[in-house]
């Protein structure tokens, strides 16, 4: 099973409203379980593992639409 948390809509709007050079980060905490009888019984793996990654910097710009051929 995969589960994840996302920020609320207001946080996303604020994040995507930023202009400039940014990088995106992701931290994942893993848990696991295993089976020795073809999935009849699952045994949890004790503890967790965490991985963290960051993107290379990217430039976020803002563009504004312009109506260039209005219909009379």
PDB file of N, CA and C in Angstrom:
ATOM      1  N   UNK A   1       0.838  -1.182   0.000  1.00  0.00           N
ATOM      2  CA  UNK A   1       0.000   0.000   0.000  1.00  0.00           C
ATOM      3  C   UNK A   1       0.883   1.245   0.000  1.00  0.00           C
ATOM      4  N   UNK A   2       0.535   2.194  -0.812  1.00  0.00           N
ATOM      5  CA  UNK A   2       1.262   3.460  -0.871  1.00  0.00           C
ATOM      6  C   UNK A   2       0.353   4.543  -0.306  1.00  0.00           C
ATOM      7  N   UNK A   3       0.884   5.336   0.609  1.00  0.00           N
ATOM      8  CA  UNK A   3       0.113   6.472   1.132  1.00  0.00           C
ATOM      9  C   UNK A   3       1.017   7.689   1.136  1.00  0.00           C
ATOM     10  N   UNK A   4       0.412   8.859   1.012  1.00  0.00           N
ATOM     11  CA  UNK A   4       1.185  10.092   1.001  1.00  0.00           C
ATOM     12  C   UNK A   4       0.322  11.240   1.461  1.00  0.00           C
ATOM     13  N   UNK A   5       0.980  12.298   1.917  1.00  0.00           N
ATOM     14  CA  UNK A   5       0.282  13.504   2.360  1.00  0.00           C
ATOM     15  C   UNK A   5       0.593  14.633   1.400  1.00  0.00           C
ATOM     16  N   UNK A   6      -0.416  15.361   1.014  1.00  0.00           N
ATOM     17  CA  UNK A   6      -0.241  16.532   0.173  1.00  0.00           C
ATOM     18  C   UNK A   6      -0.680  17.762   0.955  1.00  0.00           C
ATOM     19  N   UNK A   7      -0.059  18.909   0.686  1.00  0.00           N
ATOM     20  CA  UNK A   7      -0.519  20.126   1.367  1.00  0.00           C
ATOM     21  C   UNK A   7      -1.930  20.473   0.912  1.00  0.00           C
ATOM     22  N   UNK A   8      -2.609  21.286   1.699  1.00  0.00           N
ATOM     23  CA  UNK A   8      -3.951  21.699   1.308  1.00  0.00           C
ATOM     24  C   UNK A   8      -3.893  22.598   0.073  1.00  0.00           C
ATOM     25  N   UNK A   9      -5.028  22.850  -0.536  1.00  0.00           N
ATOM     26  CA  UNK A   9      -5.099  23.609  -1.793  1.00  0.00           C
ATOM     27  C   UNK A   9      -4.484  25.000  -1.650  1.00  0.00           C
ATOM     28  N   UNK A  10      -4.699  25.665  -0.517  1.00  0.00           N
ATOM     29  CA  UNK A  10      -4.151  27.006  -0.308  1.00  0.00           C
ATOM     30  C   UNK A  10      -2.618  26.979  -0.346  1.00  0.00           C
ATOM     31  N   UNK A  11      -2.020  25.965   0.258  1.00  0.00           N
ATOM     32  CA  UNK A  11      -0.559  25.844   0.241  1.00  0.00           C
ATOM     33  C   UNK A  11      -0.059  25.624  -1.182  1.00  0.00           C
ATOM     34  N   UNK A  12      -0.766  24.802  -1.961  1.00  0.00           N
ATOM     35  CA  UNK A  12      -0.358  24.560  -3.350  1.00  0.00           C
ATOM     36  C   UNK A  12      -0.439  25.843  -4.169  1.00  0.00           C
ATOM     37  N   UNK A  13      -1.517  26.616  -3.993  1.00  0.00           N
ATOM     38  CA  UNK A  13      -1.647  27.879  -4.726  1.00  0.00           C
ATOM     39  C   UNK A  13      -0.499  28.816  -4.386  1.00  0.00           C
ATOM     40  N   UNK A  14      -0.137  28.893  -3.121  1.00  0.00           N
ATOM     41  CA  UNK A  14       0.969  29.751  -2.700  1.00  0.00           C
ATOM     42  C   UNK A  14       2.285  29.255  -3.288  1.00  0.00           C
ATOM     43  N   UNK A  15       2.514  27.948  -3.247  1.00  0.00           N
ATOM     44  CA  UNK A  15       3.752  27.392  -3.776  1.00  0.00           C
ATOM     45  C   UNK A  15       3.896  27.688  -5.258  1.00  0.00           C
ATOM     46  N   UNK A  16       2.832  27.442  -6.031  1.00  0.00           N
ATOM     47  CA  UNK A  16       2.934  27.622  -7.472  1.00  0.00           C
ATOM     48  C   UNK A  16       2.880  29.088  -7.895  1.00  0.00           C
ATOM     49  N   UNK A  17       2.570  29.981  -6.973  1.00  0.00           N
ATOM     50  CA  UNK A  17       2.548  31.406  -7.297  1.00  0.00           C
ATOM     51  C   UNK A  17       3.942  32.017  -7.237  1.00  0.00           C
ATOM     52  N   UNK A  18       4.915  31.297  -6.707  1.00  0.00           N
ATOM     53  CA  UNK A  18       6.267  31.842  -6.577  1.00  0.00           C
ATOM     54  C   UNK A  18       6.959  31.865  -7.936  1.00  0.00           C
ATOM     55  N   UNK A  19       7.697  32.918  -8.187  1.00  0.00           N
ATOM     56  CA  UNK A  19       8.466  33.073  -9.416  1.00  0.00           C
ATOM     57  C   UNK A  19       9.932  33.179  -9.036  1.00  0.00           C
ATOM     58  N   UNK A  20      10.794  32.534  -9.794  1.00  0.00           N
ATOM     59  CA  UNK A  20      12.222  32.575  -9.504  1.00  0.00           C
ATOM     60  C   UNK A  20      12.839  31.201  -9.658  1.00  0.00           C
ATOM     61  N   UNK A  21      13.998  31.027  -9.080  1.00  0.00           N
ATOM     62  CA  UNK A  21      14.696  29.749  -9.152  1.00  0.00           C
ATOM     63  C   UNK A  21      14.312  28.929  -7.915  1.00  0.00           C
ATOM     64  N   UNK A  22      13.812  27.733  -8.141  1.00  0.00           N
ATOM     65  CA  UNK A  22      13.373  26.858  -7.056  1.00  0.00           C
ATOM     66  C   UNK A  22      13.885  25.448  -7.311  1.00  0.00           C
ATOM     67  N   UNK A  23      13.837  24.623  -6.290  1.00  0.00           N
ATOM     68  CA  UNK A  23      14.064  23.196  -6.467  1.00  0.00           C
ATOM     69  C   UNK A  23      12.954  22.463  -5.726  1.00  0.00           C
ATOM     70  N   UNK A  24      12.665  21.282  -6.189  1.00  0.00           N
ATOM     71  CA  UNK A  24      11.576  20.489  -5.628  1.00  0.00           C
ATOM     72  C   UNK A  24      12.195  19.378  -4.796  1.00  0.00           C
ATOM     73  N   UNK A  25      11.658  19.144  -3.606  1.00  0.00           N
ATOM     74  CA  UNK A  25      12.182  18.101  -2.736  1.00  0.00           C
ATOM     75  C   UNK A  25      11.113  17.082  -2.398  1.00  0.00           C
ATOM     76  N   UNK A  26      11.550  15.866  -2.148  1.00  0.00           N
ATOM     77  CA  UNK A  26      10.645  14.792  -1.755  1.00  0.00           C
ATOM     78  C   UNK A  26      11.341  13.937  -0.706  1.00  0.00           C
ATOM     79  N   UNK A  27      10.676  13.741   0.420  1.00  0.00           N
ATOM     80  CA  UNK A  27      11.164  12.835   1.447  1.00  0.00           C
ATOM     81  C   UNK A  27      10.146  11.714   1.593  1.00  0.00           C
ATOM     82  N   UNK A  28      10.620  10.477   1.487  1.00  0.00           N
ATOM     83  CA  UNK A  28       9.749   9.310   1.567  1.00  0.00           C
ATOM     84  C   UNK A  28      10.198   8.439   2.728  1.00  0.00           C
ATOM     85  N   UNK A  29       9.237   8.040   3.562  1.00  0.00           N
ATOM     86  CA  UNK A  29       9.516   7.102   4.639  1.00  0.00           C
ATOM     87  C   UNK A  29       8.893   5.763   4.260  1.00  0.00           C
ATOM     88  N   UNK A  30       9.725   4.729   4.237  1.00  0.00           N
ATOM     89  CA  UNK A  30       9.317   3.410   3.774  1.00  0.00           C
ATOM     90  C   UNK A  30       9.098   2.469   4.954  1.00  0.00           C
ATOM     91  N   UNK A  31       8.083   1.632   4.842  1.00  0.00           N
ATOM     92  CA  UNK A  31       7.880   0.514   5.753  1.00  0.00           C
ATOM     93  C   UNK A  31       7.741  -0.732   4.883  1.00  0.00           C
ATOM     94  N   UNK A  32       7.867  -1.885   5.464  1.00  0.00           N
ATOM     95  CA  UNK A  32       7.767  -3.094   4.650  1.00  0.00           C
ATOM     96  C   UNK A  32       7.253  -4.288   5.413  1.00  0.00           C
ATOM     97  N   UNK A  33       6.907  -5.282   4.632  1.00  0.00           N
ATOM     98  CA  UNK A  33       6.518  -6.568   5.183  1.00  0.00           C
ATOM     99  C   UNK A  33       6.888  -7.639   4.159  1.00  0.00           C
ATOM    100  N   UNK A  34       7.004  -8.869   4.616  1.00  0.00           N
ATOM    101  CA  UNK A  34       7.376  -9.949   3.711  1.00  0.00           C
ATOM    102  C   UNK A  34       6.574 -11.201   4.026  1.00  0.00           C
ATOM    103  N   UNK A  35       6.563 -12.117   3.067  1.00  0.00           N
ATOM    104  CA  UNK A  35       5.827 -13.366   3.223  1.00  0.00           C
ATOM    105  C   UNK A  35       6.718 -14.529   2.823  1.00  0.00           C
ATOM    106  N   UNK A  36       6.614 -15.614   3.566  1.00  0.00           N
ATOM    107  CA  UNK A  36       7.344 -16.838   3.245  1.00  0.00           C
ATOM    108  C   UNK A  36       6.412 -17.934   2.727  1.00  0.00           C
ATOM    109  N   UNK A  37       5.107 -17.614   2.623  1.00  0.00           N
ATOM    110  CA  UNK A  37       4.138 -18.635   2.198  1.00  0.00           C
ATOM    111  C   UNK A  37       3.215 -18.118   1.094  1.00  0.00           C
ATOM    112  N   UNK A  38       3.805 -17.472   0.100  1.00  0.00           N
ATOM    113  CA  UNK A  38       3.064 -16.961  -1.066  1.00  0.00           C
ATOM    114  C   UNK A  38       1.940 -16.003  -0.695  1.00  0.00           C
ATOM    115  N   UNK A  39       2.156 -15.192   0.317  1.00  0.00           N
ATOM    116  CA  UNK A  39       1.202 -14.145   0.661  1.00  0.00           C
ATOM    117  C   UNK A  39       0.098 -14.552   1.603  1.00  0.00           C
ATOM    118  N   UNK A  40       0.152 -15.767   2.138  1.00  0.00           N
ATOM    119  CA  UNK A  40      -0.870 -16.178   3.102  1.00  0.00           C
ATOM    120  C   UNK A  40      -0.699 -15.447   4.427  1.00  0.00           C
ATOM    121  N   UNK A  41       0.544 -15.235   4.830  1.00  0.00           N
ATOM    122  CA  UNK A  41       0.867 -14.561   6.085  1.00  0.00           C
ATOM    123  C   UNK A  41       1.929 -13.503   5.801  1.00  0.00           C
ATOM    124  N   UNK A  42       1.713 -12.309   6.301  1.00  0.00           N
ATOM    125  CA  UNK A  42       2.667 -11.217   6.099  1.00  0.00           C
ATOM    126  C   UNK A  42       3.326 -10.877   7.421  1.00  0.00           C
ATOM    127  N   UNK A  43       4.644 -10.711   7.383  1.00  0.00           N
ATOM    128  CA  UNK A  43       5.436 -10.405   8.576  1.00  0.00           C
ATOM    129  C   UNK A  43       6.019  -9.005   8.414  1.00  0.00           C
ATOM    130  N   UNK A  44       5.761  -8.102   9.363  1.00  0.00           N
ATOM    131  CA  UNK A  44       6.279  -6.742   9.213  1.00  0.00           C
ATOM    132  C   UNK A  44       7.794  -6.679   9.377  1.00  0.00           C
ATOM    133  N   UNK A  45       8.418  -5.789   8.649  1.00  0.00           N
ATOM    134  CA  UNK A  45       9.834  -5.485   8.820  1.00  0.00           C
ATOM    135  C   UNK A  45       9.893  -4.382   9.878  1.00  0.00           C
ATOM    136  N   UNK A  46      10.671  -4.583  10.912  1.00  0.00           N
ATOM    137  CA  UNK A  46      10.746  -3.603  12.000  1.00  0.00           C
ATOM    138  C   UNK A  46      11.507  -2.360  11.548  1.00  0.00           C
ATOM    139  N   UNK A  47      11.017  -1.203  11.934  1.00  0.00           N
ATOM    140  CA  UNK A  47      11.683   0.058  11.612  1.00  0.00           C
ATOM    141  C   UNK A  47      11.218   0.636  10.286  1.00  0.00           C
ATOM    142  N   UNK A  48      11.836   1.726   9.907  1.00  0.00           N
ATOM    143  CA  UNK A  48      11.528   2.412   8.656  1.00  0.00           C
ATOM    144  C   UNK A  48      12.837   2.813   7.985  1.00  0.00           C
ATOM    145  N   UNK A  49      12.728   3.134   6.718  1.00  0.00           N
ATOM    146  CA  UNK A  49      13.858   3.697   5.975  1.00  0.00           C
ATOM    147  C   UNK A  49      13.365   4.997   5.349  1.00  0.00           C
ATOM    148  N   UNK A  50      14.218   5.998   5.306  1.00  0.00           N
ATOM    149  CA  UNK A  50      13.841   7.293   4.750  1.00  0.00           C
ATOM    150  C   UNK A  50      14.803   7.672   3.637  1.00  0.00           C
ATOM    151  N   UNK A  51      14.240   8.110   2.513  1.00  0.00           N
ATOM    152  CA  UNK A  51      15.049   8.624   1.404  1.00  0.00           C
ATOM    153  C   UNK A  51      14.614  10.049   1.115  1.00  0.00           C
ATOM    154  N   UNK A  52      15.572  10.891   0.759  1.00  0.00           N
ATOM    155  CA  UNK A  52      15.289  12.289   0.438  1.00  0.00           C
ATOM    156  C   UNK A  52      15.989  12.634  -0.862  1.00  0.00           C
ATOM    157  N   UNK A  53      15.269  13.289  -1.755  1.00  0.00           N
ATOM    158  CA  UNK A  53      15.820  13.717  -3.036  1.00  0.00           C
ATOM    159  C   UNK A  53      15.435  15.169  -3.287  1.00  0.00           C
ATOM    160  N   UNK A  54      16.291  15.890  -4.016  1.00  0.00           N
ATOM    161  CA  UNK A  54      15.995  17.257  -4.445  1.00  0.00           C
ATOM    162  C   UNK A  54      16.295  17.353  -5.927  1.00  0.00           C
ATOM    163  N   UNK A  55      15.487  18.115  -6.637  1.00  0.00           N
ATOM    164  CA  UNK A  55      15.720  18.334  -8.057  1.00  0.00           C
ATOM    165  C   UNK A  55      16.844  19.345  -8.252  1.00  0.00           C
ATOM    166  N   UNK A  56      17.352  19.389  -9.450  1.00  0.00           N
ATOM    167  CA  UNK A  56      18.252  20.481  -9.799  1.00  0.00           C
ATOM    168  C   UNK A  56      17.422  21.762  -9.808  1.00  0.00           C
ATOM    169  N   UNK A  57      18.048  22.926  -9.607  1.00  0.00           N
ATOM    170  CA  UNK A  57      17.279  24.175  -9.628  1.00  0.00           C
ATOM    171  C   UNK A  57      16.588  24.385 -10.984  1.00  0.00           C
ATOM    172  N   UNK A  58      15.350  24.835 -10.927  1.00  0.00           N
ATOM    173  CA  UNK A  58      14.601  25.172 -12.137  1.00  0.00           C
ATOM    174  C   UNK A  58      14.090  26.598 -12.010  1.00  0.00           C
ATOM    175  N   UNK A  59      13.912  27.260 -13.140  1.00  0.00           N
ATOM    176  CA  UNK A  59      13.413  28.632 -13.144  1.00  0.00           C
ATOM    177  C   UNK A  59      11.919  28.620 -13.423  1.00  0.00           C
ATOM    178  N   UNK A  60      11.161  29.235 -12.522  1.00  0.00           N
ATOM    179  CA  UNK A  60       9.713  29.359 -12.672  1.00  0.00           C
ATOM    180  C   UNK A  60       9.431  30.786 -13.104  1.00  0.00           C
ATOM    181  N   UNK A  61       8.750  30.941 -14.232  1.00  0.00           N
ATOM    182  CA  UNK A  61       8.431  32.269 -14.734  1.00  0.00           C
ATOM    183  C   UNK A  61       6.935  32.498 -14.740  1.00  0.00           C
ATOM    184  N   UNK A  62       6.553  33.717 -15.007  1.00  0.00           N
ATOM    185  CA  UNK A  62       5.136  34.072 -15.091  1.00  0.00           C
ATOM    186  C   UNK A  62       4.855  34.579 -16.490  1.00  0.00           C
ATOM    187  N   UNK A  63       3.785  34.119 -17.073  1.00  0.00           N
ATOM    188  CA  UNK A  63       3.366  34.568 -18.402  1.00  0.00           C
ATOM    189  C   UNK A  63       1.952  35.104 -18.305  1.00  0.00           C
ATOM    190  N   UNK A  64       1.699  36.176 -19.036  1.00  0.00           N
ATOM    191  CA  UNK A  64       0.365  36.767 -19.029  1.00  0.00           C
ATOM    192  C   UNK A  64      -0.213  36.693 -20.438  1.00  0.00           C
ATOM    193  N   UNK A  65      -1.442  36.206 -20.592  1.00  0.00           N
ATOM    194  CA  UNK A  65      -2.044  36.120 -21.926  1.00  0.00           C
ATOM    195  C   UNK A  65      -2.390  37.519 -22.450  1.00  0.00           C
ATOM    196  N   UNK A  66      -2.251  37.681 -23.763  1.00  0.00           N
ATOM    197  CA  UNK A  66      -2.572  38.950 -24.413  1.00  0.00           C
ATOM    198  C   UNK A  66      -3.463  38.638 -25.614  1.00  0.00           C
ATOM    199  N   UNK A  67      -4.603  39.287 -25.693  1.00  0.00           N
ATOM    200  CA  UNK A  67      -5.514  39.110 -26.821  1.00  0.00           C
ATOM    201  C   UNK A  67      -4.977  39.943 -27.988  1.00  0.00           C
ATOM    202  N   UNK A  68      -4.532  39.294 -29.074  1.00  0.00           N
ATOM    203  CA  UNK A  68      -3.897  40.023 -30.167  1.00  0.00           C
ATOM    204  C   UNK A  68      -4.803  40.218 -31.379  1.00  0.00           C
ATOM    205  N   UNK A  69      -5.907  39.485 -31.497  1.00  0.00           N
ATOM    206  CA  UNK A  69      -6.796  39.642 -32.638  1.00  0.00           C
ATOM    207  C   UNK A  69      -8.240  39.574 -32.169  1.00  0.00           C
ATOM    208  N   UNK A  70      -8.709  40.641 -31.501  1.00  0.00           N
ATOM    209  CA  UNK A  70     -10.076  40.597 -30.962  1.00  0.00           C
ATOM    210  C   UNK A  70     -11.117  40.569 -32.090  1.00  0.00           C
ATOM    211  N   UNK A  71     -12.192  39.856 -31.861  1.00  0.00           N
ATOM    212  CA  UNK A  71     -13.291  39.798 -32.812  1.00  0.00           C
ATOM    213  C   UNK A  71     -14.244  40.962 -32.538  1.00  0.00           C
ATOM    214  N   UNK A  72     -14.581  41.741 -33.611  1.00  0.00           N
ATOM    215  CA  UNK A  72     -15.471  42.907 -33.371  1.00  0.00           C
ATOM    216  C   UNK A  72     -16.874  42.498 -32.963  1.00  0.00           C
TER     217      UNK A  72
END
